[in-house]
Amino acid sequence: MKNLLVFFSVFFALAQIMAAFQYDRDIGGNMKVFIVKNRTEGPSVIEQGGLSNRLADLGCAIAGISTVQLTPEEEKEYGAWNQDALESMHLGRLIAENGSADYFTIGLLSNCTDLLGMLAGLQRLRPGRAGQEDSRGLQSKGLAGAKPLRVGLVWIDAHADFNTPETTLSGMLGGMPVAIAAGMCLTRLRLKTGLDPALPTKYIVMAGLRDVDPLEQELLDRSQCEFIPVDDIRTLSSNINLQMERLSRLTEIIYVHIDMDVLDPGEVSGHPLTAPEGPTSQELAAALEMMFRHEKAKAIGIASMPFGERDRQGLSLQAVYRLIEGAIKGVKKR
């Protein structure tokens, strides 16, 4: 009798562990997806252009769609950079309050400054099973309360966006979000978004870089960032899995961020910051499938898609759907 009780105790424990490593599913067995988007036109074009049908075809059920909204008071606040921080703050809150560790999170983003909100939200992502202790440690607490999750970042972009106000050539905030996320500059802006603590640079992998400023390169050389070159994306190099395994050891959740200018300019000709010799969306989708086979990869963000007159043939929109499909196929192959 004692042996039988031990058997059932072990069996029940194993069942709980296995359940913890599955995405929450609806009664039809579909993987649940949570979508968060910024309030600009580009994210709306992606959502309204057939995303729901494509997700359904992939066996996904949308658990919710949340859109960033600023309050009337916030709309009046000064400064474009401050407005970006406020939008990121709301983006992060939507993820933390409405997302779940058991959902696959998709961010439809205006530009790369939205990175800060995505990371902030994922740091505070709640367990998916309300009232239950999460076996993956996502509910761990310290003396000061719930601990922020350690978030790893795969940054897929033709540009590093690793400049600071001291190194930038353009003065664009859009060239700084990874450096801000890493705690290298603009601390007040980062804290306003809710991203705290900053990411150690060893938590960051840069993929697809081709256009890096000289002083920005010096910062990268002094950092602990790792790299996946374009050739590794094209050839599906083992380096992709090695970097994902490294991040999985260091962090509790991995976010994959894509700026559409990483692609071959033929697919994003309307993007103002294209760079030659990028991967095709098919090549990058295959690499994403590899990345998202790793258990801790739980969120993807797509930023700065050309739309309207800048994407008359719909090539960029189709590329976005192809990338999301690649990520979901990876999740389903775990």
Protein backbone atom coordinates (compact mmCIF):
# COMPACT_ATOMS: atom_id res chain seq x y z
CA MET A 1 0.00 0.00 0.00
CA LYS A 2 2.84 2.35 0.89
CA ASN A 3 4.56 1.66 -2.43
CA LEU A 4 1.29 2.38 -4.26
CA LEU A 5 0.95 5.74 -2.49
CA VAL A 6 4.54 6.62 -3.38
CA PHE A 7 3.86 5.69 -7.01
CA PHE A 8 0.80 7.93 -7.23
CA SER A 9 2.62 10.79 -5.49
CA VAL A 10 5.48 10.62 -7.99
CA PHE A 11 3.06 10.26 -10.90
CA PHE A 12 1.07 13.31 -9.78
CA ALA A 13 4.23 15.38 -9.32
CA LEU A 14 5.48 14.46 -12.78
CA ALA A 15 2.11 15.31 -14.28
CA GLN A 16 2.25 18.75 -12.68
CA ILE A 17 5.75 19.35 -14.00
CA MET A 18 4.77 18.29 -17.52
CA ALA A 19 1.70 20.51 -17.41
CA ALA A 20 3.83 23.45 -16.35
CA PHE A 21 5.86 23.14 -19.53
CA GLN A 22 2.82 23.24 -21.82
CA TYR A 23 1.13 26.34 -23.13
CA ASP A 24 -2.39 26.82 -21.86
CA ARG A 25 -4.94 25.55 -24.36
CA ASP A 26 -8.65 26.09 -24.87
CA ILE A 27 -11.17 23.28 -24.79
CA GLY A 28 -10.52 22.64 -28.47
CA GLY A 29 -6.82 22.03 -27.79
CA ASN A 30 -5.66 25.27 -29.46
CA MET A 31 -2.60 27.08 -28.16
CA LYS A 32 -3.55 30.35 -26.50
CA VAL A 33 -2.01 33.54 -27.86
CA PHE A 34 -2.08 36.97 -26.24
CA ILE A 35 -1.62 39.96 -28.56
CA VAL A 36 -0.54 43.39 -27.35
CA LYS A 37 -0.15 46.29 -29.74
CA ASN A 38 0.71 49.92 -29.86
CA ARG A 39 -1.92 52.40 -30.92
CA THR A 40 -0.38 53.44 -34.27
CA GLU A 41 -1.53 52.40 -37.72
CA GLY A 42 1.14 49.81 -38.50
CA PRO A 43 0.17 47.40 -35.69
CA SER A 44 -3.50 47.81 -36.65
CA VAL A 45 -2.73 46.89 -40.26
CA ILE A 46 -1.07 43.68 -39.06
CA GLU A 47 -3.99 42.81 -36.79
CA GLN A 48 -6.71 43.62 -39.32
CA GLY A 49 -4.98 42.17 -42.36
CA GLY A 50 -5.86 38.58 -41.49
CA LEU A 51 -3.76 37.77 -38.43
CA SER A 52 -6.64 36.09 -36.56
CA ASN A 53 -7.37 33.72 -39.45
CA ARG A 54 -3.72 32.83 -39.83
CA LEU A 55 -3.39 32.08 -36.13
CA ALA A 56 -6.51 29.92 -36.28
CA ASP A 57 -5.04 28.00 -39.21
CA LEU A 58 -1.96 27.35 -37.06
CA GLY A 59 -4.08 25.90 -34.25
CA CYS A 60 -4.00 28.99 -32.04
CA ALA A 61 -6.80 30.64 -30.07
CA ILE A 62 -6.49 34.35 -29.25
CA ALA A 63 -6.81 34.73 -25.49
CA GLY A 64 -6.97 38.51 -25.77
CA ILE A 65 -5.94 41.58 -27.74
CA SER A 66 -4.94 44.72 -25.82
CA THR A 67 -4.08 48.12 -27.31
CA VAL A 68 -2.05 50.85 -25.63
CA GLN A 69 -4.04 53.97 -24.73
CA LEU A 70 -2.72 57.11 -23.10
CA THR A 71 -4.89 59.07 -20.70
CA PRO A 72 -5.92 62.63 -21.68
CA GLU A 73 -3.46 63.95 -19.10
CA GLU A 74 -0.64 61.85 -20.54
CA GLU A 75 -1.43 63.06 -24.04
CA LYS A 76 -0.61 66.59 -22.87
CA GLU A 77 2.72 65.70 -21.28
CA TYR A 78 5.77 67.25 -22.84
CA GLY A 79 8.48 65.67 -24.99
CA ALA A 80 8.48 63.01 -27.71
CA TRP A 81 10.86 60.82 -25.71
CA ASN A 82 8.59 61.11 -22.69
CA GLN A 83 5.60 60.09 -24.82
CA ASP A 84 7.51 57.01 -25.99
CA ALA A 85 8.26 56.11 -22.37
CA LEU A 86 4.60 56.48 -21.40
CA GLU A 87 3.50 54.23 -24.26
CA SER A 88 6.08 51.64 -23.23
CA MET A 89 4.85 51.87 -19.64
CA HIS A 90 1.31 51.06 -20.74
CA LEU A 91 2.53 48.31 -23.06
CA GLY A 92 4.33 46.63 -20.17
CA ARG A 93 1.33 46.94 -17.87
CA LEU A 94 -0.95 45.32 -20.47
CA ILE A 95 1.39 42.34 -20.71
CA ALA A 96 1.82 41.98 -16.95
CA GLU A 97 -1.88 42.36 -16.16
CA ASN A 98 -3.52 40.55 -19.09
CA GLY A 99 -0.86 38.18 -20.36
CA SER A 100 0.19 34.90 -18.84
CA ALA A 101 3.27 32.75 -18.54
CA ASP A 102 1.22 30.07 -20.27
CA TYR A 103 0.29 32.22 -23.28
CA PHE A 104 2.43 32.86 -26.32
CA THR A 105 2.77 36.65 -26.43
CA ILE A 106 2.89 38.59 -29.70
CA GLY A 107 3.77 42.28 -29.67
CA LEU A 108 2.72 44.39 -32.66
CA LEU A 109 4.94 47.42 -32.23
CA SER A 110 5.32 50.87 -33.74
CA ASN A 111 9.08 51.06 -33.46
CA CYS A 112 11.99 49.68 -31.50
CA THR A 113 11.56 51.94 -28.48
CA ASP A 114 8.62 49.66 -27.64
CA LEU A 115 11.27 47.13 -26.64
CA LEU A 116 11.39 48.69 -23.18
CA GLY A 117 7.70 48.08 -22.55
CA MET A 118 7.86 44.51 -23.80
CA LEU A 119 10.76 43.71 -21.48
CA ALA A 120 9.12 45.48 -18.54
CA GLY A 121 5.92 43.50 -18.99
CA LEU A 122 7.71 40.19 -19.34
CA GLN A 123 9.72 40.87 -16.18
CA ARG A 124 6.45 40.88 -14.28
CA LEU A 125 4.51 38.28 -16.22
CA ARG A 126 2.18 36.41 -13.89
CA PRO A 127 1.77 32.64 -13.73
CA GLY A 128 -1.06 31.36 -15.86
CA ARG A 129 -2.82 29.30 -13.23
CA ALA A 130 -4.30 31.72 -10.72
CA GLY A 131 -4.03 30.59 -7.12
CA GLN A 132 -1.46 27.90 -7.82
CA GLU A 133 2.25 27.98 -7.13
CA ASP A 134 4.10 27.92 -10.42
CA SER A 135 6.55 25.02 -10.65
CA ARG A 136 8.87 26.96 -12.99
CA GLY A 137 9.72 29.51 -10.33
CA LEU A 138 7.86 32.34 -12.07
CA GLN A 139 6.22 33.21 -8.77
CA SER A 140 9.37 33.31 -6.68
CA LYS A 141 9.43 35.94 -3.94
CA GLY A 142 12.10 37.63 -1.91
CA LEU A 143 12.05 39.87 1.14
CA ALA A 144 10.83 42.78 -0.96
CA GLY A 145 8.03 40.82 -2.63
CA ALA A 146 7.73 39.22 -6.05
CA LYS A 147 11.03 39.18 -7.91
CA PRO A 148 11.15 40.43 -11.50
CA LEU A 149 11.86 37.63 -13.94
CA ARG A 150 15.25 37.44 -15.59
CA VAL A 151 14.48 38.19 -19.25
CA GLY A 152 16.79 37.25 -22.11
CA LEU A 153 16.70 39.25 -25.33
CA VAL A 154 17.31 38.13 -28.90
CA TRP A 155 17.59 41.40 -30.83
CA ILE A 156 17.07 40.82 -34.58
CA ASP A 157 17.81 44.03 -36.45
CA ALA A 158 20.11 45.39 -39.13
CA HIS A 159 21.17 47.92 -36.47
CA ALA A 160 22.35 47.32 -32.91
CA ASP A 161 20.40 50.27 -31.44
CA PHE A 162 23.15 50.25 -28.84
CA ASN A 163 24.01 53.95 -29.00
CA THR A 164 23.89 56.34 -26.07
CA PRO A 165 23.39 60.12 -26.22
CA GLU A 166 27.20 60.39 -26.09
CA THR A 167 27.84 58.09 -29.07
CA THR A 168 24.88 58.60 -31.39
CA LEU A 169 25.41 60.08 -34.84
CA SER A 170 21.71 60.70 -35.52
CA GLY A 171 20.40 61.75 -32.11
CA MET A 172 17.47 59.36 -32.60
CA LEU A 173 15.99 57.68 -29.55
CA GLY A 174 15.27 54.77 -31.89
CA GLY A 175 18.99 54.09 -32.05
CA MET A 176 19.29 53.66 -28.27
CA PRO A 177 16.67 51.22 -26.86
CA VAL A 178 18.99 48.26 -26.31
CA ALA A 179 21.53 50.47 -24.55
CA ILE A 180 18.72 51.91 -22.42
CA ALA A 181 17.45 48.42 -21.60
CA ALA A 182 20.98 47.47 -20.56
CA GLY A 183 21.15 50.39 -18.12
CA MET A 184 23.80 52.29 -20.06
CA CYS A 185 21.91 55.59 -20.39
CA LEU A 186 18.60 57.44 -19.86
CA THR A 187 17.87 55.78 -16.52
CA ARG A 188 14.86 57.99 -15.77
CA LEU A 189 13.24 57.03 -19.08
CA ARG A 190 13.86 53.31 -18.44
CA LEU A 191 12.38 53.47 -14.97
CA LYS A 192 9.31 55.29 -16.27
CA THR A 193 8.66 52.37 -18.62
CA GLY A 194 8.79 49.99 -15.65
CA LEU A 195 11.90 48.14 -16.77
CA ASP A 196 13.78 47.50 -13.54
CA PRO A 197 16.33 46.04 -13.16
CA ALA A 198 18.17 46.69 -16.40
CA LEU A 199 19.30 43.70 -18.45
CA PRO A 200 22.91 42.59 -18.02
CA THR A 201 24.48 42.58 -21.46
CA LYS A 202 25.22 38.87 -21.13
CA TYR A 203 21.43 38.41 -21.40
CA ILE A 204 21.46 39.92 -24.92
CA VAL A 205 22.04 38.25 -28.28
CA MET A 206 22.32 40.43 -31.40
CA ALA A 207 21.24 38.82 -34.69
CA GLY A 208 21.43 40.09 -38.25
CA LEU A 209 23.54 43.21 -37.58
CA ARG A 210 25.00 44.92 -40.64
CA ASP A 211 24.98 48.66 -39.99
CA VAL A 212 26.68 49.69 -36.73
CA ASP A 213 28.10 53.13 -35.92
CA PRO A 214 31.83 53.29 -35.00
CA LEU A 215 31.40 54.41 -31.38
CA GLU A 216 28.44 52.06 -31.02
CA GLN A 217 30.73 49.22 -32.09
CA GLU A 218 33.16 50.19 -29.34
CA LEU A 219 30.34 49.84 -26.81
CA LEU A 220 29.44 46.43 -28.21
CA ASP A 221 33.08 45.33 -28.06
CA ARG A 222 33.19 46.18 -24.36
CA SER A 223 29.88 44.46 -23.63
CA GLN A 224 29.05 40.81 -23.00
CA CYS A 225 26.53 40.67 -25.85
CA GLU A 226 26.69 37.62 -28.10
CA PHE A 227 26.03 37.54 -31.84
CA ILE A 228 24.25 35.55 -34.55
CA PRO A 229 25.52 36.79 -37.94
CA VAL A 230 23.34 36.85 -41.06
CA ASP A 231 25.15 33.82 -42.47
CA ASP A 232 24.17 31.84 -39.36
CA ILE A 233 20.54 32.76 -40.01
CA ARG A 234 20.76 31.72 -43.65
CA THR A 235 22.45 28.40 -42.91
CA LEU A 236 20.53 27.64 -39.70
CA SER A 237 23.86 27.36 -37.94
CA SER A 238 24.20 25.45 -34.68
CA ASN A 239 25.16 28.82 -33.17
CA ILE A 240 21.44 29.64 -33.02
CA ASN A 241 20.76 26.74 -30.68
CA LEU A 242 23.93 27.42 -28.71
CA GLN A 243 22.88 31.00 -28.03
CA MET A 244 19.34 29.98 -27.10
CA GLU A 245 20.68 27.34 -24.74
CA ARG A 246 23.02 29.91 -23.17
CA LEU A 247 20.15 32.36 -22.60
CA SER A 248 17.99 29.53 -21.25
CA ARG A 249 20.60 28.82 -18.58
CA LEU A 250 20.89 32.47 -17.59
CA THR A 251 17.26 33.63 -17.73
CA GLU A 252 13.70 32.56 -16.98
CA ILE A 253 12.01 33.88 -20.11
CA ILE A 254 13.30 34.88 -23.57
CA TYR A 255 11.91 37.65 -25.75
CA VAL A 256 12.68 37.79 -29.48
CA HIS A 257 12.43 41.28 -30.99
CA ILE A 258 12.43 41.90 -34.74
CA ASP A 259 12.88 45.20 -36.53
CA MET A 260 11.67 44.63 -40.08
CA ASP A 261 14.70 46.41 -41.51
CA VAL A 262 16.67 43.24 -40.74
CA LEU A 263 15.18 41.66 -43.88
CA ASP A 264 16.37 41.81 -47.45
CA PRO A 265 15.41 45.32 -48.72
CA GLY A 266 13.30 43.73 -51.46
CA GLU A 267 10.72 42.77 -48.83
CA VAL A 268 10.80 46.04 -46.86
CA SER A 269 11.55 48.60 -49.56
CA GLY A 270 9.34 51.14 -47.79
CA HIS A 271 11.42 51.03 -44.61
CA PRO A 272 13.55 54.20 -44.23
CA LEU A 273 16.54 52.35 -42.72
CA THR A 274 17.08 49.30 -44.94
CA ALA A 275 20.52 47.71 -45.16
CA PRO A 276 21.76 45.41 -47.93
CA GLU A 277 22.47 41.67 -47.59
CA GLY A 278 19.74 40.85 -45.11
CA PRO A 279 18.05 37.46 -44.80
CA THR A 280 14.76 36.80 -46.56
CA SER A 281 11.64 36.36 -44.46
CA GLN A 282 11.69 32.64 -45.34
CA GLU A 283 15.24 32.32 -44.03
CA LEU A 284 14.50 34.26 -40.86
CA ALA A 285 11.25 32.32 -40.29
CA ALA A 286 13.23 29.06 -40.37
CA ALA A 287 15.68 30.49 -37.82
CA LEU A 288 12.78 31.61 -35.62
CA GLU A 289 11.40 28.10 -35.74
CA MET A 290 14.71 26.92 -34.29
CA MET A 291 14.70 29.60 -31.61
CA PHE A 292 11.15 28.95 -30.46
CA ARG A 293 11.69 25.25 -30.02
CA HIS A 294 13.41 26.31 -26.80
CA GLU A 295 11.06 26.21 -23.83
CA LYS A 296 11.85 29.63 -22.41
CA ALA A 297 11.21 31.54 -25.66
CA LYS A 298 7.72 32.85 -24.92
CA ALA A 299 7.26 36.14 -26.74
CA ILE A 300 7.92 37.76 -30.10
CA GLY A 301 7.69 41.41 -31.09
CA ILE A 302 7.49 42.82 -34.62
CA ALA A 303 8.44 46.49 -35.05
CA SER A 304 8.45 49.13 -37.78
CA MET A 305 6.63 47.34 -40.60
CA PRO A 306 6.17 49.49 -43.73
CA PHE A 307 2.49 49.80 -44.62
CA GLY A 308 0.10 51.69 -46.88
CA GLU A 309 1.86 53.53 -49.69
CA ARG A 310 5.18 52.14 -48.45
CA ASP A 311 3.98 48.55 -48.94
CA ARG A 312 1.70 48.70 -51.96
CA GLN A 313 2.20 45.04 -52.89
CA GLY A 314 1.81 43.83 -49.32
CA LEU A 315 5.24 42.18 -49.28
CA SER A 316 6.13 43.50 -45.84
CA LEU A 317 2.79 42.44 -44.36
CA GLN A 318 3.17 38.92 -45.72
CA ALA A 319 6.71 38.82 -44.35
CA VAL A 320 5.38 39.66 -40.86
CA TYR A 321 2.87 36.81 -41.03
CA ARG A 322 5.61 34.47 -42.24
CA LEU A 323 7.82 35.36 -39.26
CA ILE A 324 5.01 34.86 -36.74
CA GLU A 325 4.19 31.53 -38.36
CA GLY A 326 7.82 30.42 -38.04
CA ALA A 327 7.84 31.22 -34.33
CA ILE A 328 4.58 29.35 -33.67
CA LYS A 329 5.76 26.32 -35.62
CA GLY A 330 8.79 26.26 -33.35
CA VAL A 331 6.63 26.31 -30.23
CA LYS A 332 4.53 23.45 -31.56
CA LYS A 333 7.62 21.31 -32.20
CA ARG A 334 8.76 21.34 -28.57
